[in-house]
Amino acid sequence: KPIAESLVILEYIDETWQEGYPLLMPKDPYQRSLARFWA
C-alpha cells in the first residue's frame, strides 16, 4: 500500500510503529497540531 508526501509518511510511520523510539508527534492534541503547523 503506497503513501505519498513526506509529512504524511512521517505521521504514518509514527502511528504504525509505536514501539522503541519515542513518538515523533506529541500526544497532546494541541501540541500535535503545532507540530503539524511548523512542519
PDB file of all heavy atoms in Angstrom:
ATOM      1  N   LYS A   1       0.846  -1.201   0.000  1.00  0.00           N
ATOM      2  CA  LYS A   1       0.000   0.000   0.000  1.00  0.00           C
ATOM      3  C   LYS A   1       0.882   1.252   0.000  1.00  0.00           C
ATOM      4  O   LYS A   1       1.704   1.418   0.906  1.00  0.00           O
ATOM      5  CB  LYS A   1      -0.914   0.002   1.223  1.00  0.00           C
ATOM      6  CG  LYS A   1      -1.893  -1.158   1.247  1.00  0.00           C
ATOM      7  CD  LYS A   1      -2.707  -1.133   2.540  1.00  0.00           C
ATOM      8  CE  LYS A   1      -3.667  -2.319   2.588  1.00  0.00           C
ATOM      9  NZ  LYS A   1      -4.430  -2.346   3.869  1.00  0.00           N
ATOM     10  N   PRO A   2       0.712   2.144  -0.984  1.00  0.00           N
ATOM     11  CA  PRO A   2       1.586   3.321  -1.083  1.00  0.00           C
ATOM     12  C   PRO A   2       1.068   4.515  -0.292  1.00  0.00           C
ATOM     13  O   PRO A   2      -0.137   4.747  -0.191  1.00  0.00           O
ATOM     14  CB  PRO A   2       1.560   3.636  -2.579  1.00  0.00           C
ATOM     15  CG  PRO A   2       0.199   3.181  -3.027  1.00  0.00           C
ATOM     16  CD  PRO A   2      -0.156   2.002  -2.163  1.00  0.00           C
ATOM     17  N   ILE A   3       2.008   5.270   0.282  1.00  0.00           N
ATOM     18  CA  ILE A   3       1.721   6.549   0.937  1.00  0.00           C
ATOM     19  C   ILE A   3       2.688   7.564   0.342  1.00  0.00           C
ATOM     20  O   ILE A   3       3.891   7.316   0.272  1.00  0.00           O
ATOM     21  CB  ILE A   3       1.896   6.490   2.469  1.00  0.00           C
ATOM     22  CG1 ILE A   3       1.037   5.380   3.073  1.00  0.00           C
ATOM     23  CG2 ILE A   3       1.526   7.819   3.115  1.00  0.00           C
ATOM     24  CD1 ILE A   3       1.799   4.137   3.407  1.00  0.00           C
ATOM     25  N   ALA A   4       2.163   8.717  -0.071  1.00  0.00           N
ATOM     26  CA  ALA A   4       2.978   9.770  -0.676  1.00  0.00           C
ATOM     27  C   ALA A   4       2.983  11.011   0.202  1.00  0.00           C
ATOM     28  O   ALA A   4       2.165  11.146   1.111  1.00  0.00           O
ATOM     29  CB  ALA A   4       2.450  10.115  -2.066  1.00  0.00           C
ATOM     30  N   GLU A   5       3.914  11.925  -0.091  1.00  0.00           N
ATOM     31  CA  GLU A   5       4.110  13.197   0.618  1.00  0.00           C
ATOM     32  C   GLU A   5       4.827  12.956   1.951  1.00  0.00           C
ATOM     33  O   GLU A   5       4.324  12.263   2.816  1.00  0.00           O
ATOM     34  CB  GLU A   5       2.800  13.952   0.848  1.00  0.00           C
ATOM     35  CG  GLU A   5       2.057  14.315  -0.425  1.00  0.00           C
ATOM     36  CD  GLU A   5       2.834  15.305  -1.285  1.00  0.00           C
ATOM     37  OE1 GLU A   5       3.226  16.367  -0.784  1.00  0.00           O
ATOM     38  OE2 GLU A   5       3.048  14.994  -2.460  1.00  0.00           O
ATOM     39  N   SER A   6       5.994  13.570   2.101  1.00  0.00           N
ATOM     40  CA  SER A   6       6.883  13.224   3.218  1.00  0.00           C
ATOM     41  C   SER A   6       6.263  13.454   4.591  1.00  0.00           C
ATOM     42  O   SER A   6       6.434  12.632   5.501  1.00  0.00           O
ATOM     43  CB  SER A   6       8.211  13.982   3.108  1.00  0.00           C
ATOM     44  OG  SER A   6       8.028  15.370   3.270  1.00  0.00           O
ATOM     45  N   LEU A   7       5.527  14.546   4.785  1.00  0.00           N
ATOM     46  CA  LEU A   7       4.953  14.802   6.108  1.00  0.00           C
ATOM     47  C   LEU A   7       3.843  13.811   6.431  1.00  0.00           C
ATOM     48  O   LEU A   7       3.691  13.388   7.586  1.00  0.00           O
ATOM     49  CB  LEU A   7       4.433  16.240   6.200  1.00  0.00           C
ATOM     50  CG  LEU A   7       5.478  17.343   6.014  1.00  0.00           C
ATOM     51  CD1 LEU A   7       4.841  18.711   6.203  1.00  0.00           C
ATOM     52  CD2 LEU A   7       6.663  17.165   6.967  1.00  0.00           C
ATOM     53  N   VAL A   8       3.080  13.433   5.417  1.00  0.00           N
ATOM     54  CA  VAL A   8       2.050  12.407   5.606  1.00  0.00           C
ATOM     55  C   VAL A   8       2.707  11.068   5.957  1.00  0.00           C
ATOM     56  O   VAL A   8       2.253  10.348   6.856  1.00  0.00           O
ATOM     57  CB  VAL A   8       1.180  12.270   4.335  1.00  0.00           C
ATOM     58  CG1 VAL A   8       0.160  11.141   4.490  1.00  0.00           C
ATOM     59  CG2 VAL A   8       0.475  13.581   4.032  1.00  0.00           C
ATOM     60  N   ILE A   9       3.785  10.758   5.258  1.00  0.00           N
ATOM     61  CA  ILE A   9       4.502   9.495   5.515  1.00  0.00           C
ATOM     62  C   ILE A   9       5.062   9.478   6.935  1.00  0.00           C
ATOM     63  O   ILE A   9       5.000   8.449   7.627  1.00  0.00           O
ATOM     64  CB  ILE A   9       5.631   9.289   4.490  1.00  0.00           C
ATOM     65  CG1 ILE A   9       5.054   9.172   3.074  1.00  0.00           C
ATOM     66  CG2 ILE A   9       6.435   8.033   4.826  1.00  0.00           C
ATOM     67  CD1 ILE A   9       6.114   9.193   1.973  1.00  0.00           C
ATOM     68  N   LEU A  10       5.616  10.602   7.395  1.00  0.00           N
ATOM     69  CA  LEU A  10       6.178  10.652   8.751  1.00  0.00           C
ATOM     70  C   LEU A  10       5.103  10.345   9.800  1.00  0.00           C
ATOM     71  O   LEU A  10       5.361   9.603  10.752  1.00  0.00           O
ATOM     72  CB  LEU A  10       6.798  12.022   9.021  1.00  0.00           C
ATOM     73  CG  LEU A  10       8.098  12.358   8.291  1.00  0.00           C
ATOM     74  CD1 LEU A  10       8.551  13.765   8.632  1.00  0.00           C
ATOM     75  CD2 LEU A  10       9.198  11.348   8.614  1.00  0.00           C
ATOM     76  N   GLU A  11       3.921  10.902   9.624  1.00  0.00           N
ATOM     77  CA  GLU A  11       2.841  10.612  10.577  1.00  0.00           C
ATOM     78  C   GLU A  11       2.439   9.143  10.498  1.00  0.00           C
ATOM     79  O   GLU A  11       2.148   8.511  11.522  1.00  0.00           O
ATOM     80  CB  GLU A  11       1.641  11.520  10.318  1.00  0.00           C
ATOM     81  CG  GLU A  11       1.873  12.957  10.752  1.00  0.00           C
ATOM     82  CD  GLU A  11       0.576  13.675  11.094  1.00  0.00           C
ATOM     83  OE1 GLU A  11      -0.236  13.112  11.849  1.00  0.00           O
ATOM     84  OE2 GLU A  11       0.388  14.801  10.603  1.00  0.00           O
ATOM     85  N   TYR A  12       2.403   8.598   9.297  1.00  0.00           N
ATOM     86  CA  TYR A  12       2.058   7.180   9.132  1.00  0.00           C
ATOM     87  C   TYR A  12       3.074   6.295   9.857  1.00  0.00           C
ATOM     88  O   TYR A  12       2.699   5.360  10.570  1.00  0.00           O
ATOM     89  CB  TYR A  12       2.010   6.814   7.647  1.00  0.00           C
ATOM     90  CG  TYR A  12       1.681   5.363   7.398  1.00  0.00           C
ATOM     91  CD1 TYR A  12       0.358   4.932   7.365  1.00  0.00           C
ATOM     92  CD2 TYR A  12       2.693   4.421   7.214  1.00  0.00           C
ATOM     93  CE1 TYR A  12       0.054   3.591   7.153  1.00  0.00           C
ATOM     94  CE2 TYR A  12       2.397   3.080   6.997  1.00  0.00           C
ATOM     95  CZ  TYR A  12       1.071   2.663   6.969  1.00  0.00           C
ATOM     96  OH  TYR A  12       0.779   1.339   6.771  1.00  0.00           O
ATOM     97  N   ILE A  13       4.348   6.605   9.668  1.00  0.00           N
ATOM     98  CA  ILE A  13       5.405   5.835  10.345  1.00  0.00           C
ATOM     99  C   ILE A  13       5.227   5.913  11.857  1.00  0.00           C
ATOM    100  O   ILE A  13       5.325   4.907  12.569  1.00  0.00           O
ATOM    101  CB  ILE A  13       6.795   6.355   9.928  1.00  0.00           C
ATOM    102  CG1 ILE A  13       7.076   6.010   8.462  1.00  0.00           C
ATOM    103  CG2 ILE A  13       7.897   5.786  10.830  1.00  0.00           C
ATOM    104  CD1 ILE A  13       8.310   6.689   7.887  1.00  0.00           C
ATOM    105  N   ASP A  14       4.944   7.103  12.348  1.00  0.00           N
ATOM    106  CA  ASP A  14       4.815   7.308  13.787  1.00  0.00           C
ATOM    107  C   ASP A  14       3.639   6.521  14.359  1.00  0.00           C
ATOM    108  O   ASP A  14       3.729   5.937  15.440  1.00  0.00           O
ATOM    109  CB  ASP A  14       4.632   8.799  14.076  1.00  0.00           C
ATOM    110  CG  ASP A  14       5.001   9.175  15.494  1.00  0.00           C
ATOM    111  OD1 ASP A  14       5.938   8.564  16.048  1.00  0.00           O
ATOM    112  OD2 ASP A  14       4.376  10.084  16.060  1.00  0.00           O
ATOM    113  N   GLU A  15       2.537   6.493  13.625  1.00  0.00           N
ATOM    114  CA  GLU A  15       1.339   5.811  14.120  1.00  0.00           C
ATOM    115  C   GLU A  15       1.421   4.301  13.940  1.00  0.00           C
ATOM    116  O   GLU A  15       0.806   3.551  14.695  1.00  0.00           O
ATOM    117  CB  GLU A  15       0.106   6.361  13.387  1.00  0.00           C
ATOM    118  CG  GLU A  15      -0.202   7.809  13.743  1.00  0.00           C
ATOM    119  CD  GLU A  15      -1.275   8.421  12.860  1.00  0.00           C
ATOM    120  OE1 GLU A  15      -1.862   7.688  12.034  1.00  0.00           O
ATOM    121  OE2 GLU A  15      -1.522   9.630  13.003  1.00  0.00           O
ATOM    122  N   THR A  16       2.189   3.854  12.950  1.00  0.00           N
ATOM    123  CA  THR A  16       2.263   2.421  12.652  1.00  0.00           C
ATOM    124  C   THR A  16       3.271   1.699  13.532  1.00  0.00           C
ATOM    125  O   THR A  16       3.012   0.580  13.994  1.00  0.00           O
ATOM    126  CB  THR A  16       2.630   2.213  11.167  1.00  0.00           C
ATOM    127  OG1 THR A  16       1.662   2.886  10.356  1.00  0.00           O
ATOM    128  CG2 THR A  16       2.654   0.731  10.807  1.00  0.00           C
ATOM    129  N   TRP A  17       4.409   2.328  13.797  1.00  0.00           N
ATOM    130  CA  TRP A  17       5.458   1.702  14.605  1.00  0.00           C
ATOM    131  C   TRP A  17       5.661   2.526  15.874  1.00  0.00           C
ATOM    132  O   TRP A  17       6.425   3.492  15.891  1.00  0.00           O
ATOM    133  CB  TRP A  17       6.754   1.609  13.799  1.00  0.00           C
ATOM    134  CG  TRP A  17       6.621   0.646  12.657  1.00  0.00           C
ATOM    135  CD1 TRP A  17       6.693  -0.709  12.718  1.00  0.00           C
ATOM    136  CD2 TRP A  17       6.413   0.972  11.271  1.00  0.00           C
ATOM    137  NE1 TRP A  17       6.526  -1.255  11.469  1.00  0.00           N
ATOM    138  CE2 TRP A  17       6.355  -0.252  10.552  1.00  0.00           C
ATOM    139  CE3 TRP A  17       6.268   2.173  10.567  1.00  0.00           C
ATOM    140  CZ2 TRP A  17       6.157  -0.309   9.178  1.00  0.00           C
ATOM    141  CZ3 TRP A  17       6.050   2.125   9.191  1.00  0.00           C
ATOM    142  CH2 TRP A  17       6.004   0.898   8.507  1.00  0.00           C
ATOM    143  N   GLN A  18       4.961   2.146  16.925  1.00  0.00           N
ATOM    144  CA  GLN A  18       4.956   2.952  18.151  1.00  0.00           C
ATOM    145  C   GLN A  18       5.893   2.405  19.234  1.00  0.00           C
ATOM    146  O   GLN A  18       6.037   3.015  20.291  1.00  0.00           O
ATOM    147  CB  GLN A  18       3.528   3.055  18.705  1.00  0.00           C
ATOM    148  CG  GLN A  18       2.587   3.755  17.747  1.00  0.00           C
ATOM    149  CD  GLN A  18       1.257   4.122  18.372  1.00  0.00           C
ATOM    150  OE1 GLN A  18       1.075   3.993  19.579  1.00  0.00           O
ATOM    151  NE2 GLN A  18       0.329   4.587  17.563  1.00  0.00           N
ATOM    152  N   GLU A  19       6.508   1.267  18.965  1.00  0.00           N
ATOM    153  CA  GLU A  19       7.424   0.690  19.954  1.00  0.00           C
ATOM    154  C   GLU A  19       8.814   1.299  19.794  1.00  0.00           C
ATOM    155  O   GLU A  19       9.181   1.810  18.750  1.00  0.00           O
ATOM    156  CB  GLU A  19       7.503  -0.833  19.768  1.00  0.00           C
ATOM    157  CG  GLU A  19       6.155  -1.550  19.878  1.00  0.00           C
ATOM    158  CD  GLU A  19       5.505  -1.380  21.229  1.00  0.00           C
ATOM    159  OE1 GLU A  19       6.235  -1.407  22.243  1.00  0.00           O
ATOM    160  OE2 GLU A  19       4.274  -1.200  21.279  1.00  0.00           O
ATOM    161  N   GLY A  20       9.600   1.206  20.855  1.00  0.00           N
ATOM    162  CA  GLY A  20      11.006   1.630  20.770  1.00  0.00           C
ATOM    163  C   GLY A  20      11.169   3.125  20.903  1.00  0.00           C
ATOM    164  O   GLY A  20      10.933   3.699  21.966  1.00  0.00           O
ATOM    165  N   TYR A  21      11.537   3.768  19.792  1.00  0.00           N
ATOM    166  CA  TYR A  21      11.822   5.203  19.835  1.00  0.00           C
ATOM    167  C   TYR A  21      10.569   5.981  20.229  1.00  0.00           C
ATOM    168  O   TYR A  21       9.460   5.640  19.803  1.00  0.00           O
ATOM    169  CB  TYR A  21      12.326   5.674  18.469  1.00  0.00           C
ATOM    170  CG  TYR A  21      12.869   7.091  18.488  1.00  0.00           C
ATOM    171  CD1 TYR A  21      14.170   7.338  18.908  1.00  0.00           C
ATOM    172  CD2 TYR A  21      12.074   8.167  18.125  1.00  0.00           C
ATOM    173  CE1 TYR A  21      14.672   8.631  18.951  1.00  0.00           C
ATOM    174  CE2 TYR A  21      12.564   9.468  18.164  1.00  0.00           C
ATOM    175  CZ  TYR A  21      13.863   9.691  18.577  1.00  0.00           C
ATOM    176  OH  TYR A  21      14.352  10.973  18.630  1.00  0.00           O
ATOM    177  N   PRO A  22      10.722   7.060  21.049  1.00  0.00           N
ATOM    178  CA  PRO A  22       9.557   7.872  21.432  1.00  0.00           C
ATOM    179  C   PRO A  22       8.802   8.386  20.209  1.00  0.00           C
ATOM    180  O   PRO A  22       9.369   8.560  19.135  1.00  0.00           O
ATOM    181  CB  PRO A  22      10.182   9.039  22.209  1.00  0.00           C
ATOM    182  CG  PRO A  22      11.487   8.519  22.697  1.00  0.00           C
ATOM    183  CD  PRO A  22      11.968   7.538  21.673  1.00  0.00           C
ATOM    184  N   LEU A  23       7.523   8.634  20.394  1.00  0.00           N
ATOM    185  CA  LEU A  23       6.684   9.118  19.310  1.00  0.00           C
ATOM    186  C   LEU A  23       7.252  10.418  18.719  1.00  0.00           C
ATOM    187  O   LEU A  23       7.720  11.283  19.453  1.00  0.00           O
ATOM    188  CB  LEU A  23       5.260   9.369  19.804  1.00  0.00           C
ATOM    189  CG  LEU A  23       4.445   8.119  20.161  1.00  0.00           C
ATOM    190  CD1 LEU A  23       3.108   8.537  20.776  1.00  0.00           C
ATOM    191  CD2 LEU A  23       4.219   7.239  18.951  1.00  0.00           C
ATOM    192  N   LEU A  24       7.190  10.530  17.396  1.00  0.00           N
ATOM    193  CA  LEU A  24       7.655  11.737  16.722  1.00  0.00           C
ATOM    194  C   LEU A  24       6.683  12.893  16.920  1.00  0.00           C
ATOM    195  O   LEU A  24       7.072  14.050  16.951  1.00  0.00           O
ATOM    196  CB  LEU A  24       7.822  11.471  15.217  1.00  0.00           C
ATOM    197  CG  LEU A  24       8.796  10.359  14.818  1.00  0.00           C
ATOM    198  CD1 LEU A  24       8.772  10.165  13.311  1.00  0.00           C
ATOM    199  CD2 LEU A  24      10.204  10.666  15.298  1.00  0.00           C
ATOM    200  N   MET A  25       5.397  12.546  17.043  1.00  0.00           N
ATOM    201  CA  MET A  25       4.358  13.559  17.250  1.00  0.00           C
ATOM    202  C   MET A  25       3.947  13.590  18.716  1.00  0.00           C
ATOM    203  O   MET A  25       3.819  12.540  19.356  1.00  0.00           O
ATOM    204  CB  MET A  25       3.134  13.231  16.390  1.00  0.00           C
ATOM    205  CG  MET A  25       3.360  13.374  14.905  1.00  0.00           C
ATOM    206  SD  MET A  25       3.432  15.097  14.377  1.00  0.00           S
ATOM    207  CE  MET A  25       1.705  15.518  14.369  1.00  0.00           C
ATOM    208  N   PRO A  26       3.697  14.780  19.278  1.00  0.00           N
ATOM    209  CA  PRO A  26       3.253  14.861  20.667  1.00  0.00           C
ATOM    210  C   PRO A  26       1.903  14.158  20.853  1.00  0.00           C
ATOM    211  O   PRO A  26       1.090  14.094  19.931  1.00  0.00           O
ATOM    212  CB  PRO A  26       3.108  16.364  20.917  1.00  0.00           C
ATOM    213  CG  PRO A  26       3.895  17.022  19.834  1.00  0.00           C
ATOM    214  CD  PRO A  26       3.852  16.110  18.660  1.00  0.00           C
ATOM    215  N   LYS A  27       1.665  13.647  22.054  1.00  0.00           N
ATOM    216  CA  LYS A  27       0.374  13.006  22.346  1.00  0.00           C
ATOM    217  C   LYS A  27      -0.732  14.036  22.520  1.00  0.00           C
ATOM    218  O   LYS A  27      -1.879  13.798  22.161  1.00  0.00           O
ATOM    219  CB  LYS A  27       0.493  12.139  23.598  1.00  0.00           C
ATOM    220  CG  LYS A  27       1.324  10.883  23.395  1.00  0.00           C
ATOM    221  CD  LYS A  27       1.327  10.017  24.653  1.00  0.00           C
ATOM    222  CE  LYS A  27       2.144   8.753  24.431  1.00  0.00           C
ATOM    223  NZ  LYS A  27       2.176   7.904  25.648  1.00  0.00           N
ATOM    224  N   ASP A  28      -0.393  15.183  23.105  1.00  0.00           N
ATOM    225  CA  ASP A  28      -1.381  16.228  23.340  1.00  0.00           C
ATOM    226  C   ASP A  28      -1.895  16.780  22.004  1.00  0.00           C
ATOM    227  O   ASP A  28      -1.091  17.154  21.138  1.00  0.00           O
ATOM    228  CB  ASP A  28      -0.747  17.359  24.152  1.00  0.00           C
ATOM    229  CG  ASP A  28      -1.709  18.516  24.361  1.00  0.00           C
ATOM    230  OD1 ASP A  28      -2.612  18.384  25.197  1.00  0.00           O
ATOM    231  OD2 ASP A  28      -1.547  19.543  23.666  1.00  0.00           O
ATOM    232  N   PRO A  29      -3.217  16.844  21.803  1.00  0.00           N
ATOM    233  CA  PRO A  29      -3.765  17.274  20.510  1.00  0.00           C
ATOM    234  C   PRO A  29      -3.319  18.675  20.097  1.00  0.00           C
ATOM    235  O   PRO A  29      -3.062  18.922  18.911  1.00  0.00           O
ATOM    236  CB  PRO A  29      -5.283  17.233  20.733  1.00  0.00           C
ATOM    237  CG  PRO A  29      -5.474  16.245  21.839  1.00  0.00           C
ATOM    238  CD  PRO A  29      -4.273  16.385  22.721  1.00  0.00           C
ATOM    239  N   TYR A  30      -3.233  19.588  21.057  1.00  0.00           N
ATOM    240  CA  TYR A  30      -2.823  20.953  20.717  1.00  0.00           C
ATOM    241  C   TYR A  30      -1.360  20.982  20.285  1.00  0.00           C
ATOM    242  O   TYR A  30      -1.007  21.591  19.258  1.00  0.00           O
ATOM    243  CB  TYR A  30      -3.031  21.890  21.907  1.00  0.00           C
ATOM    244  CG  TYR A  30      -2.562  23.304  21.618  1.00  0.00           C
ATOM    245  CD1 TYR A  30      -3.222  24.088  20.681  1.00  0.00           C
ATOM    246  CD2 TYR A  30      -1.441  23.831  22.264  1.00  0.00           C
ATOM    247  CE1 TYR A  30      -2.786  25.386  20.399  1.00  0.00           C
ATOM    248  CE2 TYR A  30      -1.002  25.118  21.981  1.00  0.00           C
ATOM    249  CZ  TYR A  30      -1.674  25.886  21.053  1.00  0.00           C
ATOM    250  OH  TYR A  30      -1.242  27.153  20.767  1.00  0.00           O
ATOM    251  N   GLN A  31      -0.502  20.301  21.052  1.00  0.00           N
ATOM    252  CA  GLN A  31       0.911  20.252  20.691  1.00  0.00           C
ATOM    253  C   GLN A  31       1.113  19.532  19.362  1.00  0.00           C
ATOM    254  O   GLN A  31       1.995  19.888  18.567  1.00  0.00           O
ATOM    255  CB  GLN A  31       1.717  19.565  21.802  1.00  0.00           C
ATOM    256  CG  GLN A  31       1.754  20.326  23.115  1.00  0.00           C
ATOM    257  CD  GLN A  31       2.391  21.706  22.967  1.00  0.00           C
ATOM    258  OE1 GLN A  31       3.355  21.885  22.228  1.00  0.00           O
ATOM    259  NE2 GLN A  31       1.839  22.687  23.673  1.00  0.00           N
ATOM    260  N   ARG A  32       0.279  18.533  19.117  1.00  0.00           N
ATOM    261  CA  ARG A  32       0.371  17.811  17.847  1.00  0.00           C
ATOM    262  C   ARG A  32      -0.003  18.726  16.681  1.00  0.00           C
ATOM    263  O   ARG A  32       0.636  18.693  15.628  1.00  0.00           O
ATOM    264  CB  ARG A  32      -0.540  16.580  17.891  1.00  0.00           C
ATOM    265  CG  ARG A  32      -0.270  15.580  16.779  1.00  0.00           C
ATOM    266  CD  ARG A  32      -0.768  14.180  17.107  1.00  0.00           C
ATOM    267  NE  ARG A  32      -2.197  14.133  17.352  1.00  0.00           N
ATOM    268  CZ  ARG A  32      -2.752  13.787  18.508  1.00  0.00           C
ATOM    269  NH1 ARG A  32      -1.978  13.466  19.540  1.00  0.00           N
ATOM    270  NH2 ARG A  32      -4.047  13.744  18.651  1.00  0.00           N
ATOM    271  N   SER A  33      -1.021  19.554  16.879  1.00  0.00           N
ATOM    272  CA  SER A  33      -1.418  20.489  15.826  1.00  0.00           C
ATOM    273  C   SER A  33      -0.313  21.509  15.574  1.00  0.00           C
ATOM    274  O   SER A  33      -0.068  21.910  14.427  1.00  0.00           O
ATOM    275  CB  SER A  33      -2.732  21.194  16.185  1.00  0.00           C
ATOM    276  OG  SER A  33      -2.558  22.096  17.253  1.00  0.00           O
ATOM    277  N   LEU A  34       0.391  21.931  16.635  1.00  0.00           N
ATOM    278  CA  LEU A  34       1.513  22.862  16.466  1.00  0.00           C
ATOM    279  C   LEU A  34       2.644  22.216  15.676  1.00  0.00           C
ATOM    280  O   LEU A  34       3.271  22.861  14.825  1.00  0.00           O
ATOM    281  CB  LEU A  34       2.029  23.322  17.831  1.00  0.00           C
ATOM    282  CG  LEU A  34       1.154  24.312  18.609  1.00  0.00           C
ATOM    283  CD1 LEU A  34       1.828  24.675  19.929  1.00  0.00           C
ATOM    284  CD2 LEU A  34       0.866  25.563  17.792  1.00  0.00           C
ATOM    285  N   ALA A  35       2.913  20.942  15.953  1.00  0.00           N
ATOM    286  CA  ALA A  35       3.971  20.238  15.215  1.00  0.00           C
ATOM    287  C   ALA A  35       3.620  20.183  13.733  1.00  0.00           C
ATOM    288  O   ALA A  35       4.481  20.400  12.863  1.00  0.00           O
ATOM    289  CB  ALA A  35       4.166  18.827  15.780  1.00  0.00           C
ATOM    290  N   ARG A  36       2.355  19.903  13.427  1.00  0.00           N
ATOM    291  CA  ARG A  36       1.929  19.881  12.020  1.00  0.00           C
ATOM    292  C   ARG A  36       2.106  21.262  11.388  1.00  0.00           C
ATOM    293  O   ARG A  36       2.536  21.382  10.244  1.00  0.00           O
ATOM    294  CB  ARG A  36       0.458  19.456  11.915  1.00  0.00           C
ATOM    295  CG  ARG A  36       0.210  17.989  12.207  1.00  0.00           C
ATOM    296  CD  ARG A  36      -1.192  17.591  11.776  1.00  0.00           C
ATOM    297  NE  ARG A  36      -1.458  16.208  12.119  1.00  0.00           N
ATOM    298  CZ  ARG A  36      -2.216  15.823  13.143  1.00  0.00           C
ATOM    299  NH1 ARG A  36      -2.786  16.731  13.932  1.00  0.00           N
ATOM    300  NH2 ARG A  36      -2.411  14.546  13.391  1.00  0.00           N
ATOM    301  N   PHE A  37       1.729  22.292  12.150  1.00  0.00           N
ATOM    302  CA  PHE A  37       1.831  23.653  11.631  1.00  0.00           C
ATOM    303  C   PHE A  37       3.276  23.991  11.266  1.00  0.00           C
ATOM    304  O   PHE A  37       3.551  24.493  10.166  1.00  0.00           O
ATOM    305  CB  PHE A  37       1.318  24.659  12.675  1.00  0.00           C
ATOM    306  CG  PHE A  37       1.570  26.087  12.296  1.00  0.00           C
ATOM    307  CD1 PHE A  37       0.677  26.776  11.494  1.00  0.00           C
ATOM    308  CD2 PHE A  37       2.728  26.756  12.715  1.00  0.00           C
ATOM    309  CE1 PHE A  37       0.914  28.090  11.114  1.00  0.00           C
ATOM    310  CE2 PHE A  37       2.971  28.065  12.344  1.00  0.00           C
ATOM    311  CZ  PHE A  37       2.062  28.733  11.546  1.00  0.00           C
ATOM    312  N   TRP A  38       4.214  23.723  12.189  1.00  0.00           N
ATOM    313  CA  TRP A  38       5.609  24.108  11.937  1.00  0.00           C
ATOM    314  C   TRP A  38       6.255  23.259  10.851  1.00  0.00           C
ATOM    315  O   TRP A  38       7.083  23.747  10.075  1.00  0.00           O
ATOM    316  CB  TRP A  38       6.413  24.068  13.234  1.00  0.00           C
ATOM    317  CG  TRP A  38       6.074  25.227  14.114  1.00  0.00           C
ATOM    318  CD1 TRP A  38       5.333  25.211  15.267  1.00  0.00           C
ATOM    319  CD2 TRP A  38       6.415  26.597  13.883  1.00  0.00           C
ATOM    320  NE1 TRP A  38       5.199  26.487  15.761  1.00  0.00           N
ATOM    321  CE2 TRP A  38       5.849  27.357  14.940  1.00  0.00           C
ATOM    322  CE3 TRP A  38       7.143  27.260  12.895  1.00  0.00           C
ATOM    323  CZ2 TRP A  38       6.003  28.742  15.029  1.00  0.00           C
ATOM    324  CZ3 TRP A  38       7.297  28.636  12.981  1.00  0.00           C
ATOM    325  CH2 TRP A  38       6.727  29.364  14.038  1.00  0.00           C
ATOM    326  N   ALA A  39       5.856  21.996  10.762  1.00  0.00           N
ATOM    327  CA  ALA A  39       6.384  21.160   9.684  1.00  0.00           C
ATOM    328  C   ALA A  39       5.938  21.694   8.327  1.00  0.00           C
ATOM    329  O   ALA A  39       6.733  21.779   7.381  1.00  0.00           O
ATOM    330  CB  ALA A  39       5.927  19.707   9.876  1.00  0.00           C
TER     331      ALA A  39
END
